[in-house]
C-alpha atoms as a PDB file:
ATOM      1  CA  MET A   1       0.000   0.000   0.000  1.00  0.00           C
ATOM      2  CA  ASP A   2       3.042   2.219   0.305  1.00  0.00           C
ATOM      3  CA  LEU A   3       3.334   2.306  -3.489  1.00  0.00           C
ATOM      4  CA  TYR A   4      -0.328   3.317  -3.818  1.00  0.00           C
ATOM      5  CA  ASN A   5       0.190   6.090  -1.257  1.00  0.00           C
ATOM      6  CA  ALA A   6       3.311   7.178  -3.152  1.00  0.00           C
ATOM      7  CA  GLY A   7       1.156   7.880  -6.220  1.00  0.00           C
ATOM      8  CA  TYR A   8       1.939   4.859  -8.390  1.00  0.00           C
ATOM      9  CA  THR A   9      -0.762   3.595 -10.739  1.00  0.00           C
ATOM     10  CA  TYR A  10      -2.120   0.054 -10.637  1.00  0.00           C
ATOM     11  CA  LYS A  11      -0.123  -0.759 -13.748  1.00  0.00           C
ATOM     12  CA  ASP A  12       3.136   0.521 -12.235  1.00  0.00           C
ATOM     13  CA  ILE A  13       2.557  -1.333  -8.972  1.00  0.00           C
ATOM     14  CA  GLY A  14       1.807  -4.520 -10.908  1.00  0.00           C
ATOM     15  CA  ARG A  15       5.019  -4.158 -12.895  1.00  0.00           C
ATOM     16  CA  ILE A  16       7.065  -3.629  -9.725  1.00  0.00           C
ATOM     17  CA  MET A  17       5.460  -6.532  -7.840  1.00  0.00           C
ATOM     18  CA  PHE A  18       5.226  -8.887 -10.860  1.00  0.00           C
ATOM     19  CA  MET A  19       1.429  -9.112 -10.601  1.00  0.00           C
ATOM     20  CA  SER A  20      -1.394  -8.273 -12.972  1.00  0.00           C
ATOM     21  CA  GLU A  21      -3.081  -4.897 -12.940  1.00  0.00           C
ATOM     22  CA  ASN A  22      -6.462  -6.417 -12.014  1.00  0.00           C
ATOM     23  CA  THR A  23      -4.976  -8.248  -9.027  1.00  0.00           C
ATOM     24  CA  ILE A  24      -3.446  -5.041  -7.693  1.00  0.00           C
ATOM     25  CA  LYS A  25      -6.693  -3.180  -8.308  1.00  0.00           C
ATOM     26  CA  SER A  26      -8.690  -5.715  -6.272  1.00  0.00           C
ATOM     27  CA  ILE A  27      -6.105  -5.758  -3.441  1.00  0.00           C
ATOM     28  CA  VAL A  28      -6.121  -1.959  -3.174  1.00  0.00           C
ATOM     29  CA  LYS A  29      -9.926  -1.811  -3.405  1.00  0.00           C
ATOM     30  CA  ASN A  30     -10.301  -4.391  -0.613  1.00  0.00           C
ATOM     31  CA  TRP A  31      -7.790  -2.493   1.520  1.00  0.00           C
ATOM     32  CA  ILE A  32      -9.568   0.836   1.003  1.00  0.00           C
ATOM     33  CA  ASP A  33     -12.990  -0.743   1.658  1.00  0.00           C
ATOM     34  CA  SER A  34     -11.727  -2.143   4.970  1.00  0.00           C
ATOM     35  CA  LEU A  35     -10.904   1.375   6.205  1.00  0.00           C
ATOM     36  CA  PRO A  36     -13.408   3.627   7.998  1.00  0.00           C
ATOM     37  CA  ALA A  37     -15.265   6.026   5.679  1.00  0.00           C
ATOM     38  CA  PRO A  38     -13.367   9.230   6.576  1.00  0.00           C
ATOM     39  CA  ASN A  39     -10.009   7.517   6.062  1.00  0.00           C
ATOM     40  CA  ARG A  40     -10.991   6.309   2.570  1.00  0.00           C
ATOM     41  CA  GLU A  41     -11.253   9.852   1.283  1.00  0.00           C
ATOM     42  CA  ILE A  42      -7.989  10.808   2.965  1.00  0.00           C
ATOM     43  CA  ILE A  43      -6.169   7.862   1.347  1.00  0.00           C
ATOM     44  CA  ARG A  44      -7.598   8.692  -2.084  1.00  0.00           C
ATOM     45  CA  LYS A  45      -6.630  12.344  -1.658  1.00  0.00           C
ATOM     46  CA  ILE A  46      -3.080  11.384  -0.637  1.00  0.00           C
ATOM     47  CA  HIS A  47      -2.830   9.102  -3.692  1.00  0.00           C
ATOM     48  CA  ARG A  48      -4.128  11.817  -6.027  1.00  0.00           C
ATOM     49  CA  GLN A  49      -1.697  14.433  -4.685  1.00  0.00           C
ATOM     50  CA  ALA A  50       1.246  12.033  -4.837  1.00  0.00           C
ATOM     51  CA  SER A  51       0.397  11.014  -8.415  1.00  0.00           C
ATOM     52  CA  PHE A  52       0.265  14.684  -9.481  1.00  0.00           C
ATOM     53  CA  SER A  53       3.612  15.219  -7.771  1.00  0.00           C
ATOM     54  CA  ARG A  54       5.148  12.188  -9.535  1.00  0.00           C
ATOM     55  CA  ARG A  55       3.788  13.401 -12.879  1.00  0.00           C
ATOM     56  CA  ASP A  56       5.255  16.886 -12.374  1.00  0.00           C
ATOM     57  CA  THR A  57       8.602  15.410 -11.369  1.00  0.00           C
ATOM     58  CA  ARG A  58       8.652  13.182 -14.456  1.00  0.00           C
ATOM     59  CA  LYS A  59       7.805  16.146 -16.701  1.00  0.00           C
ATOM     60  CA  ALA A  60      10.592  18.220 -15.142  1.00  0.00           C
ATOM     61  CA  ILE A  61      13.117  15.410 -15.625  1.00  0.00           C
ATOM     62  CA  ASP A  62      12.073  14.933 -19.254  1.00  0.00           C
ATOM     63  CA  TYR A  63      12.331  18.672 -19.856  1.00  0.00           C
ATOM     64  CA  GLU A  64      15.817  18.842 -18.346  1.00  0.00           C
ATOM     65  CA  ALA A  65      16.955  15.791 -20.316  1.00  0.00           C
ATOM     66  CA  LYS A  66      15.746  17.265 -23.606  1.00  0.00           C
ATOM     67  CA  LYS A  67      17.008  20.782 -22.881  1.00  0.00           C
ATOM     68  CA  GLU A  68      20.639  19.876 -23.535  1.00  0.00           C
ATOM     69  CA  ILE A  69      20.074  17.973 -26.785  1.00  0.00           C
ATOM     70  CA  GLY A  70      16.823  17.325 -28.630  1.00  0.00           C
ATOM     71  CA  ASP A  71      15.579  13.985 -29.931  1.00  0.00           C
ATOM     72  CA  LYS A  72      16.481  14.724 -33.548  1.00  0.00           C
ATOM     73  CA  ALA A  73      20.015  15.854 -32.739  1.00  0.00           C
ATOM     74  CA  PHE A  74      20.549  12.843 -30.454  1.00  0.00           C
ATOM     75  CA  ILE A  75      19.392  10.419 -33.143  1.00  0.00           C
ATOM     76  CA  LEU A  76      21.599  12.050 -35.785  1.00  0.00           C
ATOM     77  CA  LYS A  77      24.642  11.782 -33.481  1.00  0.00           C
ATOM     78  CA  ASN A  78      23.937   8.133 -32.558  1.00  0.00           C
ATOM     79  CA  ARG A  79      22.815   6.584 -35.858  1.00  0.00           C
ATOM     80  CA  SER A  80      24.358   3.200 -35.040  1.00  0.00           C
ATOM     81  CA  ILE A  81      21.602   2.311 -32.562  1.00  0.00           C
ATOM     82  CA  TYR A  82      18.739   3.175 -34.942  1.00  0.00           C
ATOM     83  CA  ASN A  83      17.126   1.583 -37.994  1.00  0.00           C
ATOM     84  CA  THR A  84      15.430   3.523 -40.768  1.00  0.00           C
ATOM     85  CA  LYS A  85      12.133   2.159 -42.070  1.00  0.00           C
ATOM     86  CA  ARG A  86      11.012   2.386 -45.691  1.00  0.00           C
ATOM     87  CA  ASN A  87       8.722   5.333 -44.976  1.00  0.00           C
ATOM     88  CA  GLY A  88      11.603   7.332 -43.473  1.00  0.00           C
ATOM     89  CA  ASP A  89      10.795   6.867 -39.786  1.00  0.00           C
ATOM     90  CA  ILE A  90      13.817   6.198 -37.587  1.00  0.00           C
ATOM     91  CA  VAL A  91      13.273   3.570 -34.870  1.00  0.00           C
ATOM     92  CA  LEU A  92      15.469   2.357 -32.004  1.00  0.00           C
ATOM     93  CA  LYS A  93      16.941  -1.128 -32.526  1.00  0.00           C
ATOM     94  CA  ASP A  94      16.120  -3.951 -30.098  1.00  0.00           C
ATOM     95  CA  GLU A  95      18.402  -4.290 -27.102  1.00  0.00           C
ATOM     96  CA  SER A  96      19.532  -7.665 -28.457  1.00  0.00           C
ATOM     97  CA  GLU A  97      20.676  -5.985 -31.696  1.00  0.00           C
ATOM     98  CA  ILE A  98      22.462  -3.166 -29.867  1.00  0.00           C
ATOM     99  CA  GLY A  99      24.126  -5.458 -27.350  1.00  0.00           C
ATOM    100  CA  CYS A 100      23.397  -3.300 -24.303  1.00  0.00           C
ATOM    101  CA  SER A 101      20.495  -1.621 -22.550  1.00  0.00           C
ATOM    102  CA  VAL A 102      19.491   1.974 -23.235  1.00  0.00           C
ATOM    103  CA  SER A 103      18.458   4.620 -20.719  1.00  0.00           C
ATOM    104  CA  PHE A 104      14.879   5.759 -20.200  1.00  0.00           C
ATOM    105  CA  ASP A 105      15.452   9.106 -21.895  1.00  0.00           C
ATOM    106  CA  THR A 106      16.768   7.647 -25.159  1.00  0.00           C
ATOM    107  CA  PRO A 107      14.353   8.592 -27.962  1.00  0.00           C
ATOM    108  CA  ARG A 108      12.537   5.495 -29.251  1.00  0.00           C
ATOM    109  CA  LYS A 109      11.237   6.848 -32.565  1.00  0.00           C
ATOM    110  CA  LEU A 110      11.596   9.862 -34.846  1.00  0.00           C
ATOM    111  CA  ILE A 111       8.773  10.288 -37.331  1.00  0.00           C
ATOM    112  CA  ASN A 112       9.677  11.604 -40.763  1.00  0.00           C
ATOM    113  CA  GLU A 113       7.679  14.812 -41.187  1.00  0.00           C
ATOM    114  CA  ASN A 114       8.542  15.181 -44.884  1.00  0.00           C
ATOM    115  CA  LYS A 115       6.676  12.093 -46.074  1.00  0.00           C
ATOM    116  CA  GLU A 116       4.983  12.643 -49.385  1.00  0.00           C
ATOM    117  CA  ILE A 117       1.615  11.008 -49.820  1.00  0.00           C
ATOM    118  CA  GLU A 118       1.718   9.466 -53.258  1.00  0.00           C
ATOM    119  CA  TYR A 119      -1.988   9.001 -53.867  1.00  0.00           C
ATOM    120  CA  LYS A 120      -3.017  12.682 -53.704  1.00  0.00           C
ATOM    121  CA  ASN A 121      -2.155  13.477 -57.327  1.00  0.00           C
ATOM    122  CA  LEU A 122      -3.785  10.426 -58.908  1.00  0.00           C
ATOM    123  CA  LYS A 123      -6.598  11.135 -61.381  1.00  0.00           C
ATOM    124  CA  ASP A 124      -8.302   7.759 -61.749  1.00  0.00           C
ATOM    125  CA  GLU A 125     -10.635   6.774 -58.875  1.00  0.00           C
ATOM    126  CA  GLU A 126      -9.862   3.049 -59.219  1.00  0.00           C
ATOM    127  CA  ILE A 127      -6.145   3.708 -58.816  1.00  0.00           C
ATOM    128  CA  LYS A 128      -6.845   5.887 -55.764  1.00  0.00           C
ATOM    129  CA  LEU A 129      -8.845   3.084 -54.147  1.00  0.00           C
ATOM    130  CA  GLU A 130      -6.108   0.579 -54.915  1.00  0.00           C
ATOM    131  CA  VAL A 131      -3.394   2.783 -53.439  1.00  0.00           C
ATOM    132  CA  LEU A 132      -5.513   3.567 -50.372  1.00  0.00           C
ATOM    133  CA  SER A 133      -6.148  -0.118 -49.748  1.00  0.00           C
ATOM    134  CA  PHE A 134      -2.428  -0.838 -50.182  1.00  0.00           C
ATOM    135  CA  TYR A 135      -1.578   1.717 -47.480  1.00  0.00           C
ATOM    136  CA  SER A 136      -4.412   0.616 -45.176  1.00  0.00           C
ATOM    137  CA  ARG A 137      -3.842  -0.452 -41.576  1.00  0.00           C
ATOM    138  CA  LYS A 138      -3.863  -4.139 -42.515  1.00  0.00           C
ATOM    139  CA  ASN A 139      -0.950  -3.764 -44.904  1.00  0.00           C
ATOM    140  CA  ARG A 140       0.982  -1.186 -42.870  1.00  0.00           C
ATOM    141  CA  ASP A 141       2.841  -3.888 -40.918  1.00  0.00           C
ATOM    142  CA  LYS A 142       3.879  -5.604 -44.155  1.00  0.00           C
ATOM    143  CA  LEU A 143       5.500  -2.379 -45.394  1.00  0.00           C
ATOM    144  CA  ASN A 144       7.712  -1.939 -42.331  1.00  0.00           C
END
């Protein structure tokens, strides 16, 4: 219950304790229900305040980490740990490919903003439909 009072979510607590999110949720709910009514609201308020505090701390850390060097500059300096997809997006390699673990503030993905959509200039409606179906969500995984 210390983790709940420290502002961690059910998912985070489950990850730390190697349990499922639903199990943690039921344990916390049973614990809160066993408390007297005035204490329930106090516990929930403490959790809410601690979670806001954790969120603000995480935002401040992310801001400080990105202040020195941005994601794009970091990726361009460390190209050896990234793969480029066909559509131009740059994605972090698996840890098994890299051979070591990466820190939490390492950018995972850089989306190519200069992608050109090829089907905008097509005149024939049948060709447009064919191109749209080719780039649909079903086929997106096949392209990458």
